[in-house]
């Protein structure tokens, strides 16, 4: 839940889920996604109908996450892209996204956490036929292994060299901002088993 100030300003909510290695984080991601989209457990109109899972940098990881969700055989939820990852020239993935949005169906988009993939999604979401449907979506962004690639490892903000932000960090931020066109109460949730190295440490310790 967001506090009222965040909800009124239509800012994205941010959360961090920490679990031990091999403790069931992927199962938790799937369970949380189903819980967020459940029309019975959520108040009417407050359920989420779109989950974007940034599943890691490797295609094997994306396929593994996709298969885990697909094999559950969940009725009434579109899971895609079924074949190749979302890319600029992947018309099949674009059609799957458009059909899900156009039919107001709940959907889960499982993609690699790579700036080329995310940029392709951003470009497609900006097209008129999709842009007009964004207002009917409530979006949950889940960043698996959020301490890997999502963080600006160049520390551009601390040096105020904003043009030097790492590509993946920039793409993830743009995705969050772009999805604010959807219904309110958007969330970005990061999952990790190793948060302390670069998420929870003080960047300027006194010692």
Protein backbone atom coordinates (compact mmCIF):
# COMPACT_ATOMS: atom_id res chain seq x y z
CA UNK A 1 0.00 0.00 0.00
CA UNK A 2 1.18 3.50 -0.77
CA UNK A 3 0.70 6.36 1.61
CA UNK A 4 -1.98 8.87 0.48
CA UNK A 5 0.58 11.47 -0.60
CA UNK A 6 2.16 9.13 -3.12
CA UNK A 7 -1.18 7.92 -4.45
CA UNK A 8 -2.50 11.43 -5.03
CA UNK A 9 0.61 12.48 -6.93
CA UNK A 10 0.39 9.38 -9.20
CA UNK A 11 3.96 8.40 -8.40
CA UNK A 12 5.06 4.83 -8.70
CA UNK A 13 5.35 2.85 -5.48
CA UNK A 14 8.69 1.15 -4.87
CA UNK A 15 9.39 -2.02 -2.93
CA UNK A 16 12.24 -4.44 -2.28
CA UNK A 17 11.77 -8.17 -1.68
CA UNK A 18 14.78 -9.95 -0.20
CA UNK A 19 15.07 -13.74 -0.08
CA UNK A 20 17.84 -16.24 0.36
CA UNK A 21 19.37 -17.89 -2.69
CA UNK A 22 17.14 -20.76 -3.90
CA UNK A 23 14.50 -19.84 -1.35
CA UNK A 24 11.58 -19.64 -3.80
CA UNK A 25 11.74 -16.07 -5.07
CA UNK A 26 10.43 -17.03 -8.51
CA UNK A 27 7.48 -18.83 -6.91
CA UNK A 28 6.89 -15.71 -4.81
CA UNK A 29 6.96 -13.55 -7.96
CA UNK A 30 4.33 -15.78 -9.57
CA UNK A 31 2.20 -15.88 -6.41
CA UNK A 32 2.37 -12.12 -5.98
CA UNK A 33 1.43 -11.58 -9.64
CA UNK A 34 -1.63 -13.83 -9.26
CA UNK A 35 -2.59 -12.12 -6.00
CA UNK A 36 -2.31 -8.69 -7.61
CA UNK A 37 -4.54 -9.72 -10.54
CA UNK A 38 -7.14 -11.58 -8.48
CA UNK A 39 -10.55 -9.94 -8.94
CA UNK A 40 -11.98 -11.64 -5.83
CA UNK A 41 -9.26 -10.82 -3.30
CA UNK A 42 -8.90 -7.22 -4.49
CA UNK A 43 -11.57 -4.55 -4.24
CA UNK A 44 -13.47 -4.18 -7.50
CA UNK A 45 -11.48 -2.11 -9.95
CA UNK A 46 -8.28 -2.20 -7.88
CA UNK A 47 -6.86 -5.41 -9.28
CA UNK A 48 -3.84 -5.27 -11.57
CA UNK A 49 -4.24 -6.43 -15.15
CA UNK A 50 -0.67 -6.11 -16.40
CA UNK A 51 2.54 -7.54 -14.91
CA UNK A 52 5.89 -6.86 -16.56
CA UNK A 53 8.61 -9.21 -15.31
CA UNK A 54 12.20 -8.18 -16.03
CA UNK A 55 13.61 -11.67 -15.68
CA UNK A 56 17.37 -11.18 -16.00
CA UNK A 57 20.00 -10.57 -18.65
CA UNK A 58 20.09 -14.03 -20.23
CA UNK A 59 17.58 -15.59 -22.60
CA UNK A 60 17.82 -18.85 -20.64
CA UNK A 61 16.60 -17.07 -17.50
CA UNK A 62 13.74 -15.46 -19.40
CA UNK A 63 12.66 -18.81 -20.85
CA UNK A 64 12.93 -20.46 -17.44
CA UNK A 65 10.71 -17.84 -15.80
CA UNK A 66 8.27 -17.92 -18.71
CA UNK A 67 8.04 -21.73 -18.55
CA UNK A 68 7.42 -21.69 -14.79
CA UNK A 69 4.41 -19.41 -15.29
CA UNK A 70 3.18 -21.03 -18.51
CA UNK A 71 3.26 -24.55 -17.07
CA UNK A 72 0.82 -23.52 -14.35
CA UNK A 73 -1.91 -23.35 -17.00
CA UNK A 74 -3.60 -20.24 -15.62
CA UNK A 75 -6.93 -19.63 -17.34
CA UNK A 76 -7.78 -16.12 -18.48
CA UNK A 77 -4.24 -14.71 -18.26
CA UNK A 78 -2.13 -14.10 -21.36
CA UNK A 79 1.55 -14.91 -20.92
CA UNK A 80 3.97 -13.74 -23.60
CA UNK A 81 6.06 -13.41 -25.68
CA UNK A 82 5.68 -17.11 -26.40
CA UNK A 83 8.53 -17.31 -28.89
CA UNK A 84 11.39 -14.81 -29.21
CA UNK A 85 11.83 -11.95 -26.76
CA UNK A 86 10.24 -8.57 -27.37
CA UNK A 87 12.21 -6.74 -30.06
CA UNK A 88 11.58 -3.94 -32.52
CA UNK A 89 11.00 -6.40 -35.39
CA UNK A 90 9.11 -9.02 -33.38
CA UNK A 91 5.63 -8.41 -34.79
CA UNK A 92 4.24 -11.52 -33.06
CA UNK A 93 5.09 -10.16 -29.61
CA UNK A 94 3.55 -6.81 -30.53
CA UNK A 95 0.36 -8.52 -31.69
CA UNK A 96 0.17 -10.47 -28.42
CA UNK A 97 0.50 -7.25 -26.44
CA UNK A 98 -2.06 -5.41 -28.56
CA UNK A 99 -4.60 -8.25 -28.32
CA UNK A 100 -4.24 -8.43 -24.54
CA UNK A 101 -4.63 -4.66 -24.14
CA UNK A 102 -7.45 -4.44 -26.69
CA UNK A 103 -9.47 -7.20 -25.04
CA UNK A 104 -8.80 -5.80 -21.56
CA UNK A 105 -7.37 -9.15 -20.55
CA UNK A 106 -4.92 -9.64 -17.68
CA UNK A 107 -1.47 -10.38 -19.03
CA UNK A 108 2.07 -11.15 -17.94
CA UNK A 109 4.94 -9.95 -20.11
CA UNK A 110 8.18 -11.84 -19.39
CA UNK A 111 11.20 -10.14 -20.96
CA UNK A 112 14.95 -9.88 -20.54
CA UNK A 113 16.29 -6.97 -18.54
CA UNK A 114 18.20 -5.53 -21.46
CA UNK A 115 17.93 -1.96 -22.66
CA UNK A 116 17.34 -3.00 -26.29
CA UNK A 117 14.33 -5.10 -25.23
CA UNK A 118 12.97 -2.43 -22.87
CA UNK A 119 13.47 0.31 -25.48
CA UNK A 120 11.48 -1.77 -27.98
CA UNK A 121 8.63 -2.04 -25.46
CA UNK A 122 8.76 1.69 -24.78
CA UNK A 123 8.66 2.48 -28.47
CA UNK A 124 5.64 0.26 -29.00
CA UNK A 125 3.79 1.60 -25.95
CA UNK A 126 4.16 5.08 -27.45
CA UNK A 127 2.36 4.12 -30.66
CA UNK A 128 -1.14 5.59 -30.96
CA UNK A 129 -2.99 2.26 -31.03
CA UNK A 130 -1.41 1.20 -27.73
CA UNK A 131 -1.20 4.62 -26.09
CA UNK A 132 -4.99 5.00 -26.17
CA UNK A 133 -5.35 1.68 -24.30
CA UNK A 134 -2.84 2.47 -21.54
CA UNK A 135 -5.47 4.19 -19.41
CA UNK A 136 -7.23 0.84 -18.90
CA UNK A 137 -4.15 -0.93 -17.58
CA UNK A 138 -2.91 -1.11 -13.99
CA UNK A 139 0.72 -2.14 -14.13
CA UNK A 140 3.03 -3.98 -11.76
CA UNK A 141 6.71 -4.03 -12.75
CA UNK A 142 8.77 -6.81 -11.17
CA UNK A 143 12.55 -6.59 -11.47
CA UNK A 144 14.14 -9.97 -10.74
CA UNK A 145 17.75 -9.80 -9.52
CA UNK A 146 17.32 -6.05 -9.20
CA UNK A 147 20.87 -5.59 -7.93
CA UNK A 148 22.16 -6.82 -11.31
CA UNK A 149 22.23 -4.28 -14.17
CA UNK A 150 19.29 -2.17 -12.91
CA UNK A 151 21.52 0.01 -10.77
CA UNK A 152 23.53 2.85 -12.29
CA UNK A 153 26.98 1.41 -11.67
CA UNK A 154 28.64 4.54 -13.08
CA UNK A 155 27.27 6.63 -10.19
CA UNK A 156 26.32 9.32 -12.70
CA UNK A 157 23.84 10.93 -10.31
CA UNK A 158 26.42 11.48 -7.61
CA UNK A 159 28.66 13.17 -10.18
CA UNK A 160 25.70 14.97 -11.80
CA UNK A 161 26.71 13.50 -15.16
CA UNK A 162 23.19 12.35 -15.97
CA UNK A 163 24.03 11.65 -19.60
CA UNK A 164 26.38 8.88 -18.46
CA UNK A 165 23.75 6.78 -16.66
CA UNK A 166 24.07 3.12 -17.63
CA UNK A 167 21.77 2.02 -20.45
CA UNK A 168 19.78 -0.53 -18.47
CA UNK A 169 19.25 1.85 -15.55
CA UNK A 170 18.00 4.51 -17.96
CA UNK A 171 15.69 2.05 -19.71
CA UNK A 172 14.17 0.76 -16.46
CA UNK A 173 13.52 4.31 -15.26
CA UNK A 174 11.91 5.25 -18.57
CA UNK A 175 9.69 2.18 -18.37
CA UNK A 176 8.49 3.19 -14.90
CA UNK A 177 7.77 6.74 -16.07
CA UNK A 178 6.07 5.59 -19.26
CA UNK A 179 3.72 3.27 -17.35
CA UNK A 180 2.49 6.15 -15.19
CA UNK A 181 0.06 6.82 -18.05
CA UNK A 182 -1.81 3.77 -16.79
CA UNK A 183 -4.18 3.65 -13.84
CA UNK A 184 -2.85 4.85 -10.50
CA UNK A 185 -1.19 2.64 -7.88
CA UNK A 186 1.53 1.45 -10.20
CA UNK A 187 4.30 -0.43 -8.43
CA UNK A 188 7.92 -1.30 -9.11
CA UNK A 189 9.17 -4.22 -7.02
CA UNK A 190 12.76 -5.40 -6.97
CA UNK A 191 13.64 -8.98 -5.98
CA UNK A 192 17.12 -10.00 -4.88
CA UNK A 193 19.09 -12.45 -2.75
CA UNK A 194 22.14 -10.18 -2.51
CA UNK A 195 20.96 -6.68 -1.61
CA UNK A 196 23.71 -5.49 0.67
CA UNK A 197 26.49 -5.14 -1.88
CA UNK A 198 24.86 -2.33 -3.82
CA UNK A 199 21.32 -1.68 -2.63
CA UNK A 200 21.43 -1.24 1.14
CA UNK A 201 25.02 -0.13 1.82
CA UNK A 202 25.76 3.49 2.64
CA UNK A 203 27.43 4.90 -0.50
CA UNK A 204 29.45 7.36 1.62
CA UNK A 205 30.42 5.58 4.83
CA UNK A 206 32.19 7.53 7.60
CA UNK A 207 34.94 4.94 7.92
